[in-house]
PDB file of N, CA and C in Angstrom:
ATOM      1  N   MET A   1     -76.920   6.614-135.159  1.00  0.00           N
ATOM      2  CA  MET A   1     -78.037   6.901-135.504  1.00  0.00           C
ATOM      3  C   MET A   1     -78.918   8.298-135.569  1.00  0.00           C
ATOM      4  N   ASN A   2     -79.154   9.276-136.083  1.00  0.00           N
ATOM      5  CA  ASN A   2     -79.371  10.743-136.081  1.00  0.00           C
ATOM      6  C   ASN A   2     -80.492  10.768-135.576  1.00  0.00           C
ATOM      7  N   GLN A   3     -80.708  12.391-135.202  1.00  0.00           N
ATOM      8  CA  GLN A   3     -81.425  12.321-134.200  1.00  0.00           C
ATOM      9  C   GLN A   3     -82.969  12.460-134.747  1.00  0.00           C
ATOM     10  N   GLU A   4     -83.007  12.458-136.705  1.00  0.00           N
ATOM     11  CA  GLU A   4     -83.877  11.700-137.384  1.00  0.00           C
ATOM     12  C   GLU A   4     -84.887  10.767-137.161  1.00  0.00           C
ATOM     13  N   GLN A   5     -84.283  10.174-137.359  1.00  0.00           N
ATOM     14  CA  GLN A   5     -83.411   8.216-137.251  1.00  0.00           C
ATOM     15  C   GLN A   5     -83.717   7.972-135.858  1.00  0.00           C
ATOM     16  N   GLU A   6     -83.979   8.318-135.098  1.00  0.00           N
ATOM     17  CA  GLU A   6     -84.393   8.010-133.578  1.00  0.00           C
ATOM     18  C   GLU A   6     -85.971   8.491-133.445  1.00  0.00           C
ATOM     19  N   ASP A   7     -85.936   9.095-133.931  1.00  0.00           N
ATOM     20  CA  ASP A   7     -87.348  10.249-133.245  1.00  0.00           C
ATOM     21  C   ASP A   7     -88.313   8.687-133.936  1.00  0.00           C
ATOM     22  N   PHE A   8     -88.507   8.769-135.630  1.00  0.00           N
ATOM     23  CA  PHE A   8     -88.424   7.513-136.812  1.00  0.00           C
ATOM     24  C   PHE A   8     -89.177   6.189-135.138  1.00  0.00           C
ATOM     25  N   ALA A   9     -87.301   5.910-134.895  1.00  0.00           N
ATOM     26  CA  ALA A   9     -87.369   4.546-134.274  1.00  0.00           C
ATOM     27  C   ALA A   9     -88.792   5.128-133.211  1.00  0.00           C
ATOM     28  N   ALA A  10     -88.388   5.700-132.646  1.00  0.00           N
ATOM     29  CA  ALA A  10     -89.074   6.400-131.609  1.00  0.00           C
ATOM     30  C   ALA A  10     -90.872   6.158-131.479  1.00  0.00           C
ATOM     31  N   LYS A  11     -91.205   6.465-132.671  1.00  0.00           N
ATOM     32  CA  LYS A  11     -92.564   6.749-133.139  1.00  0.00           C
ATOM     33  C   LYS A  11     -92.753   5.223-133.489  1.00  0.00           C
ATOM     34  N   LEU A  12     -92.120   4.058-133.971  1.00  0.00           N
ATOM     35  CA  LEU A  12     -92.952   3.537-134.541  1.00  0.00           C
ATOM     36  C   LEU A  12     -92.611   2.495-133.559  1.00  0.00           C
ATOM     37  N   VAL A  13     -91.886   2.101-132.153  1.00  0.00           N
ATOM     38  CA  VAL A  13     -92.291   1.796-131.124  1.00  0.00           C
ATOM     39  C   VAL A  13     -93.646   2.163-130.385  1.00  0.00           C
ATOM     40  N   LEU A  14     -94.104   4.014-130.755  1.00  0.00           N
ATOM     41  CA  LEU A  14     -95.140   3.911-129.767  1.00  0.00           C
ATOM     42  C   LEU A  14     -96.044   3.575-130.713  1.00  0.00           C
ATOM     43  N   ILE A  15     -96.140   2.346-132.221  1.00  0.00           N
ATOM     44  CA  ILE A  15     -97.382   2.308-132.807  1.00  0.00           C
ATOM     45  C   ILE A  15     -97.467   1.412-132.289  1.00  0.00           C
ATOM     46  N   GLU A  16     -96.215   0.481-132.266  1.00  0.00           N
ATOM     47  CA  GLU A  16     -96.499  -1.233-131.456  1.00  0.00           C
ATOM     48  C   GLU A  16     -97.686  -1.108-130.377  1.00  0.00           C
ATOM     49  N   GLN A  17     -97.011  -0.177-129.421  1.00  0.00           N
ATOM     50  CA  GLN A  17     -97.216  -0.578-128.896  1.00  0.00           C
ATOM     51  C   GLN A  17     -99.221   0.283-128.499  1.00  0.00           C
ATOM     52  N   GLU A  18     -99.054   0.760-128.726  1.00  0.00           N
ATOM     53  CA  GLU A  18    -100.371   1.499-128.960  1.00  0.00           C
ATOM     54  C   GLU A  18    -101.487   0.255-129.487  1.00  0.00           C
ATOM     55  N   ALA A  19    -100.709  -0.342-130.815  1.00  0.00           N
ATOM     56  CA  ALA A  19    -101.324  -0.963-131.692  1.00  0.00           C
ATOM     57  C   ALA A  19    -101.344  -2.534-130.647  1.00  0.00           C
ATOM     58  N   LYS A  20    -101.108  -2.722-129.903  1.00  0.00           N
ATOM     59  CA  LYS A  20    -100.680  -4.332-129.443  1.00  0.00           C
ATOM     60  C   LYS A  20    -101.847  -3.709-128.132  1.00  0.00           C
ATOM     61  N   LEU A  21    -101.906  -2.455-127.630  1.00  0.00           N
ATOM     62  CA  LEU A  21    -102.425  -2.420-126.479  1.00  0.00           C
ATOM     63  C   LEU A  21    -104.568  -2.742-126.876  1.00  0.00           C
ATOM     64  N   VAL A  22    -104.467  -1.901-128.269  1.00  0.00           N
ATOM     65  CA  VAL A  22    -105.875  -1.944-128.441  1.00  0.00           C
ATOM     66  C   VAL A  22    -106.230  -3.557-129.337  1.00  0.00           C
ATOM     67  N   LEU A  23    -105.461  -4.261-129.775  1.00  0.00           N
ATOM     68  CA  LEU A  23    -105.366  -5.696-130.359  1.00  0.00           C
ATOM     69  C   LEU A  23    -105.973  -6.715-129.108  1.00  0.00           C
ATOM     70  N   GLU A  24    -105.726  -6.059-128.260  1.00  0.00           N
ATOM     71  CA  GLU A  24    -106.183  -6.823-126.511  1.00  0.00           C
ATOM     72  C   GLU A  24    -107.704  -7.232-126.540  1.00  0.00           C
ATOM     73  N   ASP A  25    -108.013  -6.033-126.812  1.00  0.00           N
ATOM     74  CA  ASP A  25    -109.995  -5.563-126.585  1.00  0.00           C
ATOM     75  C   ASP A  25    -110.389  -6.491-127.911  1.00  0.00           C
ATOM     76  N   LEU A  26    -109.428  -6.700-128.842  1.00  0.00           N
ATOM     77  CA  LEU A  26    -110.971  -6.953-129.798  1.00  0.00           C
ATOM     78  C   LEU A  26    -110.486  -8.430-130.250  1.00  0.00           C
ATOM     79  N   PRO A  27    -112.409  -8.141-131.185  1.00  0.00           N
ATOM     80  CA  PRO A  27    -112.589  -9.988-130.745  1.00  0.00           C
ATOM     81  C   PRO A  27    -111.504 -10.200-132.270  1.00  0.00           C
ATOM     82  N   PRO A  28    -111.616 -11.367-132.629  1.00  0.00           N
ATOM     83  CA  PRO A  28    -111.212 -12.683-134.004  1.00  0.00           C
ATOM     84  C   PRO A  28    -111.965 -11.635-135.185  1.00  0.00           C
ATOM     85  N   GLY A  29    -111.240 -11.131-136.116  1.00  0.00           N
ATOM     86  CA  GLY A  29    -112.032 -10.187-137.550  1.00  0.00           C
ATOM     87  C   GLY A  29    -110.611 -10.016-137.878  1.00  0.00           C
ATOM     88  N   VAL A  30    -111.130  -9.073-139.052  1.00  0.00           N
ATOM     89  CA  VAL A  30    -110.481  -8.465-139.841  1.00  0.00           C
ATOM     90  C   VAL A  30    -110.207  -7.228-139.454  1.00  0.00           C
ATOM     91  N   MET A  31    -110.224  -6.624-138.332  1.00  0.00           N
ATOM     92  CA  MET A  31    -109.768  -5.877-137.483  1.00  0.00           C
ATOM     93  C   MET A  31    -108.628  -5.903-136.913  1.00  0.00           C
ATOM     94  N   ARG A  32    -108.900  -7.340-136.204  1.00  0.00           N
ATOM     95  CA  ARG A  32    -107.741  -7.602-135.257  1.00  0.00           C
ATOM     96  C   ARG A  32    -106.164  -8.388-136.314  1.00  0.00           C
ATOM     97  N   GLU A  33    -106.784  -8.567-138.028  1.00  0.00           N
ATOM     98  CA  GLU A  33    -105.849  -9.052-138.497  1.00  0.00           C
ATOM     99  C   GLU A  33    -104.849  -7.483-139.244  1.00  0.00           C
ATOM    100  N   ARG A  34    -105.731  -6.936-139.066  1.00  0.00           N
ATOM    101  CA  ARG A  34    -104.764  -5.648-139.811  1.00  0.00           C
ATOM    102  C   ARG A  34    -103.999  -4.510-138.458  1.00  0.00           C
ATOM    103  N   LEU A  35    -104.116  -5.206-137.089  1.00  0.00           N
ATOM    104  CA  LEU A  35    -103.885  -4.903-136.495  1.00  0.00           C
ATOM    105  C   LEU A  35    -102.186  -5.398-135.839  1.00  0.00           C
ATOM    106  N   GLN A  36    -102.871  -6.752-136.162  1.00  0.00           N
ATOM    107  CA  GLN A  36    -101.360  -7.345-136.125  1.00  0.00           C
ATOM    108  C   GLN A  36    -100.275  -7.215-137.103  1.00  0.00           C
ATOM    109  N   HIS A  37    -100.504  -7.056-138.662  1.00  0.00           N
ATOM    110  CA  HIS A  37    -100.217  -6.918-139.484  1.00  0.00           C
ATOM    111  C   HIS A  37     -99.782  -5.205-139.136  1.00  0.00           C
ATOM    112  N   ILE A  38    -100.413  -3.554-138.799  1.00  0.00           N
ATOM    113  CA  ILE A  38    -100.096  -2.905-138.232  1.00  0.00           C
ATOM    114  C   ILE A  38     -98.094  -3.062-137.473  1.00  0.00           C
ATOM    115  N   ILE A  39     -98.730  -3.633-136.279  1.00  0.00           N
ATOM    116  CA  ILE A  39     -97.488  -4.001-135.471  1.00  0.00           C
ATOM    117  C   ILE A  39     -96.398  -4.706-136.277  1.00  0.00           C
ATOM    118  N   THR A  40     -96.222  -5.651-136.958  1.00  0.00           N
ATOM    119  CA  THR A  40     -95.418  -6.284-137.685  1.00  0.00           C
ATOM    120  C   THR A  40     -94.260  -5.496-138.324  1.00  0.00           C
ATOM    121  N   THR A  41     -95.190  -4.721-139.031  1.00  0.00           N
ATOM    122  CA  THR A  41     -94.924  -3.880-140.375  1.00  0.00           C
ATOM    123  C   THR A  41     -93.808  -2.796-139.293  1.00  0.00           C
ATOM    124  N   ALA A  42     -94.454  -2.465-138.370  1.00  0.00           N
ATOM    125  CA  ALA A  42     -93.734  -1.191-137.669  1.00  0.00           C
ATOM    126  C   ALA A  42     -92.123  -2.036-136.708  1.00  0.00           C
ATOM    127  N   SER A  43     -92.235  -3.208-136.486  1.00  0.00           N
ATOM    128  CA  SER A  43     -91.456  -4.014-135.815  1.00  0.00           C
ATOM    129  C   SER A  43     -90.123  -4.302-137.281  1.00  0.00           C
ATOM    130  N   LEU A  44     -91.188  -4.688-138.756  1.00  0.00           N
ATOM    131  CA  LEU A  44     -89.627  -4.845-140.052  1.00  0.00           C
ATOM    132  C   LEU A  44     -88.978  -3.207-139.646  1.00  0.00           C
ATOM    133  N   LEU A  45     -90.230  -2.163-139.818  1.00  0.00           N
ATOM    134  CA  LEU A  45     -89.800  -1.578-140.567  1.00  0.00           C
ATOM    135  C   LEU A  45     -88.547  -0.790-139.174  1.00  0.00           C
ATOM    136  N   ARG A  46     -87.983  -1.289-137.449  1.00  0.00           N
ATOM    137  CA  ARG A  46     -87.334  -0.896-137.206  1.00  0.00           C
ATOM    138  C   ARG A  46     -86.285  -1.532-137.617  1.00  0.00           C
ATOM    139  N   ALA A  47     -86.925  -2.968-137.119  1.00  0.00           N
ATOM    140  CA  ALA A  47     -85.446  -2.905-137.731  1.00  0.00           C
ATOM    141  C   ALA A  47     -84.641  -2.880-139.052  1.00  0.00           C
ATOM    142  N   ARG A  48     -84.968  -2.591-139.810  1.00  0.00           N
ATOM    143  CA  ARG A  48     -84.619  -1.862-141.374  1.00  0.00           C
ATOM    144  C   ARG A  48     -83.741  -1.216-141.391  1.00  0.00           C
ATOM    145  N   LEU A  49     -83.986  -0.134-140.358  1.00  0.00           N
ATOM    146  CA  LEU A  49     -83.564   1.299-139.566  1.00  0.00           C
ATOM    147  C   LEU A  49     -82.796   0.469-138.506  1.00  0.00           C
ATOM    148  N   ASP A  50     -82.352  -0.500-137.805  1.00  0.00           N
ATOM    149  CA  ASP A  50     -81.470   0.026-137.241  1.00  0.00           C
ATOM    150  C   ASP A  50     -80.550  -0.557-138.641  1.00  0.00           C
ATOM    151  N   VAL A  51     -80.681  -1.221-138.819  1.00  0.00           N
ATOM    152  CA  VAL A  51     -79.089  -1.506-139.801  1.00  0.00           C
ATOM    153  C   VAL A  51     -78.823  -1.261-140.478  1.00  0.00           C
ATOM    154  N   ALA A  52     -79.777  -0.401-141.276  1.00  0.00           N
ATOM    155  CA  ALA A  52     -79.128   1.278-142.549  1.00  0.00           C
ATOM    156  C   ALA A  52     -78.361   1.818-141.283  1.00  0.00           C
ATOM    157  N   SER A  53     -79.022   2.265-140.194  1.00  0.00           N
ATOM    158  CA  SER A  53     -77.884   3.138-139.403  1.00  0.00           C
ATOM    159  C   SER A  53     -76.586   2.893-139.300  1.00  0.00           C
ATOM    160  N   SER A  54     -76.437   0.758-139.199  1.00  0.00           N
ATOM    161  CA  SER A  54     -75.283   0.344-138.752  1.00  0.00           C
ATOM    162  C   SER A  54     -74.683   0.091-139.883  1.00  0.00           C
ATOM    163  N   VAL A  55     -74.899   0.232-141.095  1.00  0.00           N
ATOM    164  CA  VAL A  55     -73.669   0.101-141.872  1.00  0.00           C
ATOM    165  C   VAL A  55     -73.557   1.164-143.054  1.00  0.00           C
ATOM    166  N   ILE A  56     -74.200   2.670-143.350  1.00  0.00           N
ATOM    167  CA  ILE A  56     -74.221   3.621-143.563  1.00  0.00           C
ATOM    168  C   ILE A  56     -72.673   4.476-142.153  1.00  0.00           C
ATOM    169  N   LEU A  57     -71.569   5.105-142.461  1.00  0.00           N
ATOM    170  CA  LEU A  57     -70.795   5.624-141.516  1.00  0.00           C
ATOM    171  C   LEU A  57     -71.373   7.468-141.437  1.00  0.00           C
ATOM    172  N   PRO A  58     -71.207   7.228-139.981  1.00  0.00           N
ATOM    173  CA  PRO A  58     -71.532   8.745-140.186  1.00  0.00           C
ATOM    174  C   PRO A  58     -70.445   9.453-140.279  1.00  0.00           C
ATOM    175  N   GLY A  59     -70.757  10.955-140.915  1.00  0.00           N
ATOM    176  CA  GLY A  59     -70.516  11.605-141.703  1.00  0.00           C
ATOM    177  C   GLY A  59     -69.762  11.601-142.915  1.00  0.00           C
ATOM    178  N   GLN A  60     -70.184  10.514-143.643  1.00  0.00           N
ATOM    179  CA  GLN A  60     -70.054  10.165-144.513  1.00  0.00           C
ATOM    180  C   GLN A  60     -71.587  10.944-145.758  1.00  0.00           C
ATOM    181  N   PRO A  61     -71.060  11.404-146.706  1.00  0.00           N
ATOM    182  CA  PRO A  61     -72.829  11.697-147.788  1.00  0.00           C
ATOM    183  C   PRO A  61     -72.983  10.559-148.324  1.00  0.00           C
ATOM    184  N   PRO A  62     -74.303  10.769-148.825  1.00  0.00           N
ATOM    185  CA  PRO A  62     -75.173   9.315-149.463  1.00  0.00           C
ATOM    186  C   PRO A  62     -73.840   9.041-150.817  1.00  0.00           C
ATOM    187  N   LYS A  63     -73.953   8.573-151.816  1.00  0.00           N
ATOM    188  CA  LYS A  63     -73.092   8.355-152.979  1.00  0.00           C
ATOM    189  C   LYS A  63     -73.817   9.213-153.957  1.00  0.00           C
ATOM    190  N   ASN A  64     -75.442   9.859-153.725  1.00  0.00           N
ATOM    191  CA  ASN A  64     -76.135   9.904-154.821  1.00  0.00           C
ATOM    192  C   ASN A  64     -76.042  11.879-154.421  1.00  0.00           C
ATOM    193  N   SER A  65     -75.273  12.486-153.353  1.00  0.00           N
ATOM    194  CA  SER A  65     -74.887  13.986-153.444  1.00  0.00           C
ATOM    195  C   SER A  65     -73.837  14.139-154.071  1.00  0.00           C
TER     196      SER A  65
END
């Protein structure tokens, strides 16, 4: 992973952590469901970033360049 990808992954982790903290204090309802969606989305984005960074070989420009 390059520095930009690492920064993005770190921000996604922070989003997940903050959402989980807020989630603990919310009663069931729409806001709780939205926070669960945010947590899931951040987690999926991190997983895709990990896969993409391991598939793209460092030092090779993208094919569209």
